[in-house]
Amino acid sequence: MKKDVQKHLESAEDFLRESEYLYSGGFFRGTIGRAYYAMFHAATALLLHKGIERSSHHAIISAFGEYLAQPRVVDPKFHKYFIEAFTLRNDCDYLAPFAPEEAQARTTLQRAREFVATCRELCL
């Protein structure tokens, strides 16, 4: 496995652990943010594994849809999960009074676990 792919997978796992820790403490905005970043790094790793380089969040999300979800390298639900996590993370970070519910945090974390595991498997 290429070093840059491995580094992004390691980052994805770190962010996933942080998300789980924040969830256990009731910090739902942080849970969502860290879960999104776990997905972002896992997606970046898989794209790099396939020889596709992008840098911005929008470009990674778009490339994930175009090169992985549309041709069904991954289940298209993962692209939907990625977009929803990005949107929710933005709401948490930039809408001052926004307070996500526990169910939103739990769902985002569960989806991030599945997303990261799928990307990791496909990078092997």
N, C-alpha and C. Protein backbone atom coordinates (compact mmCIF):
# COMPACT_ATOMS: atom_id res chain seq x y z
N MET A 1 0.84 -1.18 0.00
CA MET A 1 0.00 0.00 0.00
C MET A 1 0.89 1.24 0.00
N LYS A 2 0.54 2.22 -0.84
CA LYS A 2 1.31 3.46 -0.91
C LYS A 2 1.24 4.20 0.42
N LYS A 3 2.34 4.89 0.73
CA LYS A 3 2.46 5.58 2.01
C LYS A 3 1.37 6.63 2.20
N ASP A 4 1.03 7.40 1.16
CA ASP A 4 0.01 8.43 1.31
C ASP A 4 -1.37 7.82 1.55
N VAL A 5 -1.64 6.70 0.94
CA VAL A 5 -2.91 6.00 1.17
C VAL A 5 -2.97 5.54 2.62
N GLN A 6 -1.89 4.94 3.10
CA GLN A 6 -1.82 4.46 4.48
C GLN A 6 -2.01 5.61 5.47
N LYS A 7 -1.37 6.75 5.20
CA LYS A 7 -1.48 7.90 6.11
C LYS A 7 -2.93 8.40 6.19
N HIS A 8 -3.61 8.45 5.08
CA HIS A 8 -5.01 8.89 5.09
C HIS A 8 -5.90 7.87 5.82
N LEU A 9 -5.62 6.59 5.65
CA LEU A 9 -6.39 5.58 6.37
C LEU A 9 -6.15 5.69 7.88
N GLU A 10 -4.92 5.95 8.26
CA GLU A 10 -4.61 6.15 9.68
C GLU A 10 -5.34 7.38 10.23
N SER A 11 -5.36 8.45 9.46
CA SER A 11 -6.10 9.65 9.88
C SER A 11 -7.58 9.35 10.02
N ALA A 12 -8.12 8.59 9.07
CA ALA A 12 -9.54 8.22 9.14
C ALA A 12 -9.84 7.46 10.43
N GLU A 13 -8.98 6.53 10.78
CA GLU A 13 -9.17 5.75 12.00
C GLU A 13 -9.06 6.64 13.24
N ASP A 14 -8.10 7.56 13.24
CA ASP A 14 -7.96 8.49 14.36
C ASP A 14 -9.20 9.35 14.54
N PHE A 15 -9.69 9.91 13.43
CA PHE A 15 -10.89 10.74 13.51
C PHE A 15 -12.11 9.93 13.95
N LEU A 16 -12.18 8.70 13.53
CA LEU A 16 -13.28 7.83 13.94
C LEU A 16 -13.24 7.59 15.45
N ARG A 17 -12.06 7.33 15.99
CA ARG A 17 -11.92 7.14 17.44
C ARG A 17 -12.29 8.42 18.20
N GLU A 18 -11.86 9.56 17.67
CA GLU A 18 -12.22 10.83 18.30
C GLU A 18 -13.73 11.02 18.29
N SER A 19 -14.36 10.69 17.19
CA SER A 19 -15.81 10.83 17.07
C SER A 19 -16.52 9.95 18.10
N GLU A 20 -16.05 8.73 18.24
CA GLU A 20 -16.65 7.81 19.22
C GLU A 20 -16.49 8.35 20.64
N TYR A 21 -15.33 8.90 20.93
CA TYR A 21 -15.06 9.45 22.26
C TYR A 21 -15.99 10.64 22.53
N LEU A 22 -16.10 11.53 21.57
CA LEU A 22 -16.97 12.69 21.73
C LEU A 22 -18.44 12.28 21.89
N TYR A 23 -18.85 11.28 21.13
CA TYR A 23 -20.23 10.79 21.25
C TYR A 23 -20.49 10.26 22.66
N SER A 24 -19.54 9.51 23.19
CA SER A 24 -19.71 8.93 24.53
C SER A 24 -19.82 10.01 25.60
N GLY A 25 -19.29 11.20 25.32
CA GLY A 25 -19.37 12.31 26.26
C GLY A 25 -20.53 13.25 26.01
N GLY A 26 -21.33 12.95 24.99
CA GLY A 26 -22.48 13.79 24.69
C GLY A 26 -22.17 15.03 23.87
N PHE A 27 -20.99 15.06 23.24
CA PHE A 27 -20.59 16.21 22.41
C PHE A 27 -20.97 15.91 20.96
N PHE A 28 -22.21 16.20 20.60
CA PHE A 28 -22.75 15.75 19.32
C PHE A 28 -22.24 16.55 18.13
N ARG A 29 -21.99 17.85 18.30
CA ARG A 29 -21.40 18.63 17.20
C ARG A 29 -20.01 18.08 16.88
N GLY A 30 -19.22 17.84 17.90
CA GLY A 30 -17.88 17.29 17.70
C GLY A 30 -17.92 15.90 17.10
N THR A 31 -18.89 15.10 17.54
CA THR A 31 -19.07 13.75 16.99
C THR A 31 -19.24 13.81 15.48
N ILE A 32 -20.11 14.70 15.05
CA ILE A 32 -20.41 14.82 13.62
C ILE A 32 -19.20 15.34 12.85
N GLY A 33 -18.53 16.34 13.39
CA GLY A 33 -17.36 16.89 12.71
C GLY A 33 -16.27 15.86 12.52
N ARG A 34 -15.95 15.13 13.58
CA ARG A 34 -14.89 14.12 13.50
C ARG A 34 -15.32 12.95 12.61
N ALA A 35 -16.60 12.57 12.63
CA ALA A 35 -17.09 11.50 11.76
C ALA A 35 -16.94 11.91 10.29
N TYR A 36 -17.28 13.17 10.00
CA TYR A 36 -17.11 13.65 8.63
C TYR A 36 -15.64 13.56 8.21
N TYR A 37 -14.74 14.02 9.07
CA TYR A 37 -13.32 13.98 8.70
C TYR A 37 -12.80 12.55 8.55
N ALA A 38 -13.36 11.62 9.29
CA ALA A 38 -13.02 10.21 9.09
C ALA A 38 -13.40 9.78 7.68
N MET A 39 -14.60 10.17 7.25
CA MET A 39 -15.05 9.85 5.90
C MET A 39 -14.17 10.55 4.85
N PHE A 40 -13.86 11.81 5.09
CA PHE A 40 -13.04 12.58 4.16
C PHE A 40 -11.68 11.90 3.93
N HIS A 41 -11.02 11.50 4.99
CA HIS A 41 -9.71 10.87 4.84
C HIS A 41 -9.81 9.46 4.25
N ALA A 42 -10.86 8.74 4.59
CA ALA A 42 -11.05 7.41 4.00
C ALA A 42 -11.31 7.53 2.49
N ALA A 43 -12.14 8.50 2.11
CA ALA A 43 -12.42 8.73 0.69
C ALA A 43 -11.15 9.15 -0.05
N THR A 44 -10.38 10.03 0.56
CA THR A 44 -9.12 10.48 -0.04
C THR A 44 -8.19 9.30 -0.25
N ALA A 45 -8.10 8.42 0.74
CA ALA A 45 -7.25 7.23 0.62
C ALA A 45 -7.68 6.36 -0.55
N LEU A 46 -8.98 6.10 -0.64
CA LEU A 46 -9.47 5.23 -1.70
C LEU A 46 -9.27 5.87 -3.08
N LEU A 47 -9.51 7.15 -3.18
CA LEU A 47 -9.28 7.82 -4.46
C LEU A 47 -7.79 7.76 -4.83
N LEU A 48 -6.91 8.02 -3.88
CA LEU A 48 -5.47 7.93 -4.16
C LEU A 48 -5.09 6.50 -4.56
N HIS A 49 -5.67 5.53 -3.89
CA HIS A 49 -5.42 4.12 -4.23
C HIS A 49 -5.79 3.84 -5.69
N LYS A 50 -6.81 4.53 -6.17
CA LYS A 50 -7.26 4.36 -7.56
C LYS A 50 -6.54 5.31 -8.52
N GLY A 51 -5.58 6.09 -7.98
CA GLY A 51 -4.80 6.99 -8.82
C GLY A 51 -5.47 8.33 -9.09
N ILE A 52 -6.42 8.71 -8.26
CA ILE A 52 -7.17 9.95 -8.45
C ILE A 52 -6.79 10.91 -7.33
N GLU A 53 -6.25 12.07 -7.70
CA GLU A 53 -5.83 13.05 -6.70
C GLU A 53 -6.72 14.28 -6.76
N ARG A 54 -7.24 14.66 -5.62
CA ARG A 54 -8.02 15.88 -5.44
C ARG A 54 -7.63 16.46 -4.10
N SER A 55 -7.92 17.76 -3.89
CA SER A 55 -7.50 18.35 -2.62
C SER A 55 -8.64 18.98 -1.83
N SER A 56 -9.56 19.68 -2.46
CA SER A 56 -10.60 20.36 -1.71
C SER A 56 -11.70 19.38 -1.28
N HIS A 57 -12.45 19.79 -0.29
CA HIS A 57 -13.55 18.95 0.19
C HIS A 57 -14.55 18.69 -0.94
N HIS A 58 -14.95 19.75 -1.63
CA HIS A 58 -15.92 19.57 -2.72
C HIS A 58 -15.37 18.67 -3.82
N ALA A 59 -14.10 18.81 -4.13
CA ALA A 59 -13.49 17.99 -5.18
C ALA A 59 -13.41 16.52 -4.77
N ILE A 60 -13.11 16.27 -3.50
CA ILE A 60 -13.06 14.88 -3.01
C ILE A 60 -14.46 14.26 -3.06
N ILE A 61 -15.45 15.00 -2.59
CA ILE A 61 -16.83 14.49 -2.59
C ILE A 61 -17.30 14.23 -4.02
N SER A 62 -17.01 15.16 -4.91
CA SER A 62 -17.41 15.01 -6.31
C SER A 62 -16.73 13.82 -6.97
N ALA A 63 -15.41 13.70 -6.78
CA ALA A 63 -14.67 12.58 -7.37
C ALA A 63 -15.13 11.25 -6.80
N PHE A 64 -15.45 11.22 -5.50
CA PHE A 64 -15.95 10.00 -4.89
C PHE A 64 -17.23 9.56 -5.61
N GLY A 65 -18.11 10.52 -5.88
CA GLY A 65 -19.34 10.18 -6.60
C GLY A 65 -19.08 9.72 -8.02
N GLU A 66 -18.24 10.48 -8.72
CA GLU A 66 -17.98 10.20 -10.14
C GLU A 66 -17.22 8.90 -10.37
N TYR A 67 -16.16 8.67 -9.60
CA TYR A 67 -15.27 7.54 -9.88
C TYR A 67 -15.54 6.30 -9.04
N LEU A 68 -16.28 6.44 -7.95
CA LEU A 68 -16.49 5.30 -7.07
C LEU A 68 -17.97 4.91 -6.92
N ALA A 69 -18.83 5.89 -6.73
CA ALA A 69 -20.25 5.57 -6.52
C ALA A 69 -20.99 5.31 -7.83
N GLN A 70 -20.82 6.19 -8.82
CA GLN A 70 -21.53 6.02 -10.09
C GLN A 70 -21.20 4.70 -10.78
N PRO A 71 -19.93 4.33 -10.86
CA PRO A 71 -19.62 3.03 -11.48
C PRO A 71 -19.80 1.85 -10.52
N ARG A 72 -20.30 2.14 -9.32
CA ARG A 72 -20.61 1.13 -8.31
C ARG A 72 -19.39 0.36 -7.80
N VAL A 73 -18.26 1.06 -7.74
CA VAL A 73 -17.10 0.50 -7.05
C VAL A 73 -17.45 0.39 -5.57
N VAL A 74 -18.20 1.39 -5.10
CA VAL A 74 -18.80 1.37 -3.76
C VAL A 74 -20.30 1.53 -3.92
N ASP A 75 -21.04 1.08 -2.94
CA ASP A 75 -22.48 1.29 -2.93
C ASP A 75 -22.75 2.79 -2.98
N PRO A 76 -23.62 3.25 -3.89
CA PRO A 76 -23.91 4.68 -3.99
C PRO A 76 -24.42 5.32 -2.70
N LYS A 77 -24.89 4.52 -1.77
CA LYS A 77 -25.35 5.09 -0.49
C LYS A 77 -24.20 5.80 0.22
N PHE A 78 -22.96 5.36 -0.02
CA PHE A 78 -21.83 5.98 0.65
C PHE A 78 -21.59 7.41 0.17
N HIS A 79 -21.89 7.67 -1.09
CA HIS A 79 -21.79 9.05 -1.58
C HIS A 79 -22.84 9.91 -0.89
N LYS A 80 -24.02 9.38 -0.75
CA LYS A 80 -25.09 10.09 -0.04
C LYS A 80 -24.68 10.35 1.41
N TYR A 81 -24.16 9.35 2.07
CA TYR A 81 -23.70 9.51 3.46
C TYR A 81 -22.64 10.62 3.57
N PHE A 82 -21.71 10.62 2.62
CA PHE A 82 -20.61 11.58 2.60
C PHE A 82 -21.15 13.01 2.45
N ILE A 83 -22.05 13.20 1.51
CA ILE A 83 -22.65 14.52 1.29
C ILE A 83 -23.43 14.97 2.52
N GLU A 84 -24.23 14.07 3.10
CA GLU A 84 -25.02 14.43 4.27
C GLU A 84 -24.13 14.78 5.46
N ALA A 85 -23.04 14.04 5.65
CA ALA A 85 -22.12 14.33 6.75
C ALA A 85 -21.44 15.68 6.53
N PHE A 86 -21.08 15.99 5.29
CA PHE A 86 -20.46 17.28 4.98
C PHE A 86 -21.41 18.43 5.30
N THR A 87 -22.65 18.29 4.87
CA THR A 87 -23.66 19.33 5.11
C THR A 87 -23.92 19.51 6.60
N LEU A 88 -24.07 18.41 7.30
CA LEU A 88 -24.33 18.47 8.73
C LEU A 88 -23.13 19.04 9.49
N ARG A 89 -21.93 18.66 9.08
CA ARG A 89 -20.72 19.22 9.70
C ARG A 89 -20.66 20.72 9.50
N ASN A 90 -21.01 21.19 8.31
CA ASN A 90 -21.04 22.63 8.06
C ASN A 90 -22.07 23.32 8.94
N ASP A 91 -23.24 22.73 9.09
CA ASP A 91 -24.27 23.30 9.96
C ASP A 91 -23.75 23.40 11.39
N CYS A 92 -23.11 22.33 11.85
CA CYS A 92 -22.58 22.31 13.23
C CYS A 92 -21.51 23.38 13.43
N ASP A 93 -20.68 23.59 12.43
CA ASP A 93 -19.56 24.51 12.57
C ASP A 93 -19.93 25.96 12.32
N TYR A 94 -20.91 26.20 11.45
CA TYR A 94 -21.14 27.57 11.00
C TYR A 94 -22.50 28.15 11.36
N LEU A 95 -23.44 27.35 11.77
CA LEU A 95 -24.73 27.88 12.21
C LEU A 95 -24.68 27.96 13.73
N ALA A 96 -24.42 29.15 14.23
CA ALA A 96 -24.12 29.36 15.65
C ALA A 96 -25.07 28.66 16.62
N PRO A 97 -26.37 28.81 16.49
CA PRO A 97 -27.21 28.17 17.51
C PRO A 97 -27.55 26.71 17.19
N PHE A 98 -26.99 26.16 16.13
CA PHE A 98 -27.34 24.80 15.71
C PHE A 98 -26.86 23.78 16.73
N ALA A 99 -27.78 22.96 17.17
CA ALA A 99 -27.45 21.89 18.12
C ALA A 99 -28.03 20.58 17.58
N PRO A 100 -27.18 19.71 17.07
CA PRO A 100 -27.68 18.45 16.52
C PRO A 100 -28.25 17.57 17.63
N GLU A 101 -29.19 16.75 17.24
CA GLU A 101 -29.78 15.79 18.18
C GLU A 101 -28.88 14.57 18.28
N GLU A 102 -29.05 13.84 19.35
CA GLU A 102 -28.25 12.63 19.55
C GLU A 102 -28.42 11.66 18.39
N ALA A 103 -29.64 11.54 17.89
CA ALA A 103 -29.89 10.61 16.78
C ALA A 103 -29.09 10.98 15.54
N GLN A 104 -28.94 12.27 15.27
CA GLN A 104 -28.13 12.71 14.12
C GLN A 104 -26.68 12.33 14.31
N ALA A 105 -26.17 12.53 15.51
CA ALA A 105 -24.78 12.19 15.80
C ALA A 105 -24.57 10.68 15.72
N ARG A 106 -25.49 9.93 16.30
CA ARG A 106 -25.38 8.46 16.30
C ARG A 106 -25.39 7.92 14.86
N THR A 107 -26.32 8.42 14.04
CA THR A 107 -26.42 7.97 12.66
C THR A 107 -25.17 8.32 11.87
N THR A 108 -24.68 9.55 12.04
CA THR A 108 -23.48 9.97 11.32
C THR A 108 -22.28 9.12 11.72
N LEU A 109 -22.15 8.83 13.01
CA LEU A 109 -21.05 8.00 13.48
C LEU A 109 -21.16 6.58 12.94
N GLN A 110 -22.35 6.01 12.96
CA GLN A 110 -22.53 4.65 12.43
C GLN A 110 -22.18 4.59 10.95
N ARG A 111 -22.63 5.61 10.22
CA ARG A 111 -22.32 5.66 8.79
C ARG A 111 -20.83 5.83 8.55
N ALA A 112 -20.18 6.63 9.37
CA ALA A 112 -18.73 6.82 9.22
C ALA A 112 -17.98 5.52 9.47
N ARG A 113 -18.41 4.76 10.46
CA ARG A 113 -17.77 3.45 10.72
C ARG A 113 -17.84 2.57 9.48
N GLU A 114 -19.03 2.48 8.90
CA GLU A 114 -19.25 1.64 7.72
C GLU A 114 -18.46 2.18 6.51
N PHE A 115 -18.46 3.48 6.35
CA PHE A 115 -17.76 4.14 5.25
C PHE A 115 -16.26 3.87 5.32
N VAL A 116 -15.67 4.09 6.49
CA VAL A 116 -14.24 3.89 6.68
C VAL A 116 -13.88 2.42 6.46
N ALA A 117 -14.65 1.51 7.01
CA ALA A 117 -14.37 0.08 6.85
C ALA A 117 -14.40 -0.32 5.37
N THR A 118 -15.37 0.19 4.64
CA THR A 118 -15.49 -0.14 3.21
C THR A 118 -14.30 0.40 2.43
N CYS A 119 -13.95 1.65 2.68
CA CYS A 119 -12.80 2.24 1.98
C CYS A 119 -11.51 1.50 2.31
N ARG A 120 -11.34 1.14 3.59
CA ARG A 120 -10.14 0.42 4.00
C ARG A 120 -10.05 -0.91 3.26
N GLU A 121 -11.14 -1.66 3.20
CA GLU A 121 -11.15 -2.95 2.51
C GLU A 121 -10.77 -2.81 1.05
N LEU A 122 -11.28 -1.77 0.40
CA LEU A 122 -11.01 -1.59 -1.01
C LEU A 122 -9.59 -1.10 -1.30
N CYS A 123 -8.91 -0.61 -0.27
CA CYS A 123 -7.51 -0.17 -0.43
C CYS A 123 -6.52 -1.32 -0.26
N LEU A 124 -6.97 -2.45 0.22
CA LEU A 124 -6.07 -3.58 0.46
C LEU A 124 -5.74 -4.33 -0.82
